Amino acid sequence: MNARKLSTHVLNTSTGKAASNVKVTVYRLNEFQEWIAIKPAQTNADGRCQLLAETDFINGIYKLTFQVGSYFAQQNIKTFYPAIDVIVDCCEAQSYHIPLLISPFGYSTYRGT
């Protein structure tokens, strides 16, 4: 059985390439309905990033905040989205992979494998 983890992969659909150096912060919703920052991370050259390892992972609702504004600014590209929040319910004992497809004026996400 694979270890439980939370990971992401960011792809720039306007260029067809991986989005490297995108800052991502993971939050967990606590029992008081407040977002608690768990871990900052950054995508690698392939646009991938492990966000939580098994030792940090518990069932719950997580928010992934992707700082895409600074990613596009580094390329001198104007974007409509300074940041993108993706909220997911990780309630099963398994790994979760959350890909994010971005362009300067749109985005899409899904549950990956």
Protein backbone atom coordinates (compact mmCIF):
# COMPACT_ATOMS: atom_id res chain seq x y z
CA MET A 1 0.00 0.00 0.00
CA ASN A 2 1.31 3.45 -0.88
CA ALA A 3 1.89 5.98 1.88
CA ARG A 4 -0.78 8.64 2.22
CA LYS A 5 0.26 11.99 0.83
CA LEU A 6 -1.05 15.17 -0.73
CA SER A 7 0.63 16.36 -3.93
CA THR A 8 0.05 18.68 -6.87
CA HIS A 9 1.16 19.30 -10.44
CA VAL A 10 0.77 22.73 -12.07
CA LEU A 11 0.68 23.01 -15.85
CA ASN A 12 0.54 26.21 -17.90
CA THR A 13 -1.94 25.43 -20.67
CA SER A 14 -1.09 28.63 -22.57
CA THR A 15 2.45 27.38 -23.15
CA GLY A 16 1.91 23.62 -22.84
CA LYS A 17 4.67 23.43 -20.22
CA ALA A 18 5.03 22.72 -16.53
CA ALA A 19 4.71 25.73 -14.24
CA SER A 20 7.85 25.77 -12.12
CA ASN A 21 8.47 27.86 -9.00
CA VAL A 22 4.77 28.34 -8.18
CA LYS A 23 4.41 28.95 -4.46
CA VAL A 24 1.71 26.82 -2.80
CA THR A 25 0.53 27.00 0.79
CA VAL A 26 -1.47 24.19 2.40
CA TYR A 27 -4.10 25.00 5.01
CA ARG A 28 -6.33 22.69 7.05
CA LEU A 29 -9.78 23.65 8.34
CA ASN A 30 -9.85 23.18 12.12
CA GLU A 31 -12.77 22.34 14.42
CA PHE A 32 -13.50 26.10 14.81
CA GLN A 33 -13.89 26.50 11.03
CA GLU A 34 -10.63 28.47 10.77
CA TRP A 35 -7.92 27.89 8.18
CA ILE A 36 -4.61 26.92 9.79
CA ALA A 37 -1.47 27.17 7.62
CA ILE A 38 0.26 23.79 7.57
CA LYS A 39 3.11 24.09 5.10
CA PRO A 40 4.49 26.36 2.37
CA ALA A 41 5.90 24.66 -0.73
CA GLN A 42 6.98 25.40 -4.29
CA THR A 43 6.69 23.46 -7.54
CA ASN A 44 9.87 22.01 -9.01
CA ALA A 45 11.10 22.31 -12.61
CA ASP A 46 8.51 19.71 -13.67
CA GLY A 47 5.70 21.67 -12.00
CA ARG A 48 5.30 19.02 -9.30
CA CYS A 49 5.25 19.36 -5.56
CA GLN A 50 4.67 17.04 -2.62
CA LEU A 51 2.63 19.03 -0.15
CA LEU A 52 2.10 16.65 2.77
CA ALA A 53 3.77 13.38 3.66
CA GLU A 54 2.02 10.65 5.63
CA THR A 55 3.36 11.96 8.94
CA ASP A 56 1.64 15.36 8.36
CA PHE A 57 -1.55 14.06 6.77
CA ILE A 58 -4.83 13.63 8.66
CA ASN A 59 -8.35 13.37 7.29
CA GLY A 60 -9.96 16.75 6.84
CA ILE A 61 -10.69 19.66 4.57
CA TYR A 62 -7.64 21.29 2.99
CA LYS A 63 -7.12 24.50 1.05
CA LEU A 64 -4.28 24.82 -1.43
CA THR A 65 -3.43 28.44 -2.27
CA PHE A 66 -1.44 28.77 -5.49
CA GLN A 67 0.38 32.11 -5.97
CA VAL A 68 -0.02 32.23 -9.74
CA GLY A 69 0.18 36.03 -9.93
CA SER A 70 3.87 36.04 -9.07
CA TYR A 71 4.46 33.09 -11.44
CA PHE A 72 3.01 35.04 -14.39
CA ALA A 73 4.68 38.30 -13.29
CA GLN A 74 8.09 36.58 -13.53
CA GLN A 75 7.28 35.99 -17.20
CA ASN A 76 6.00 39.56 -17.66
CA ILE A 77 2.47 38.27 -18.33
CA LYS A 78 -0.63 39.95 -16.93
CA THR A 79 -3.09 37.60 -15.22
CA PHE A 80 -6.62 37.98 -13.88
CA TYR A 81 -5.88 35.65 -10.93
CA PRO A 82 -3.28 36.76 -8.36
CA ALA A 83 -3.96 33.56 -6.38
CA ILE A 84 -6.09 30.46 -6.79
CA ASP A 85 -7.63 28.60 -3.84
CA VAL A 86 -8.55 24.95 -4.30
CA ILE A 87 -10.51 23.43 -1.40
CA VAL A 88 -10.71 19.63 -1.13
CA ASP A 89 -12.21 17.13 1.28
CA CYS A 90 -9.61 14.45 2.01
CA CYS A 91 -11.70 12.07 4.07
CA GLU A 92 -10.41 8.66 2.96
CA ALA A 93 -7.25 6.76 3.88
CA GLN A 94 -5.45 7.23 0.56
CA SER A 95 -3.18 9.60 -1.32
CA TYR A 96 -4.52 12.69 -3.05
CA HIS A 97 -3.06 14.32 -6.15
CA ILE A 98 -4.54 17.69 -7.17
CA PRO A 99 -3.42 18.92 -10.62
CA LEU A 100 -4.00 22.57 -11.54
CA LEU A 101 -4.13 23.74 -15.16
CA ILE A 102 -3.53 27.47 -15.47
CA SER A 103 -3.53 30.21 -18.08
CA PRO A 104 -3.48 33.97 -17.54
CA PHE A 105 -7.28 34.20 -17.66
CA GLY A 106 -8.54 30.78 -16.60
CA TYR A 107 -7.86 27.65 -14.61
CA SER A 108 -9.12 24.12 -14.05
CA THR A 109 -8.47 21.45 -11.47
CA TYR A 110 -9.40 17.82 -10.91
CA ARG A 111 -8.66 14.86 -8.70
CA GLY A 112 -5.72 13.04 -10.20
CA THR A 113 -4.01 9.76 -9.40
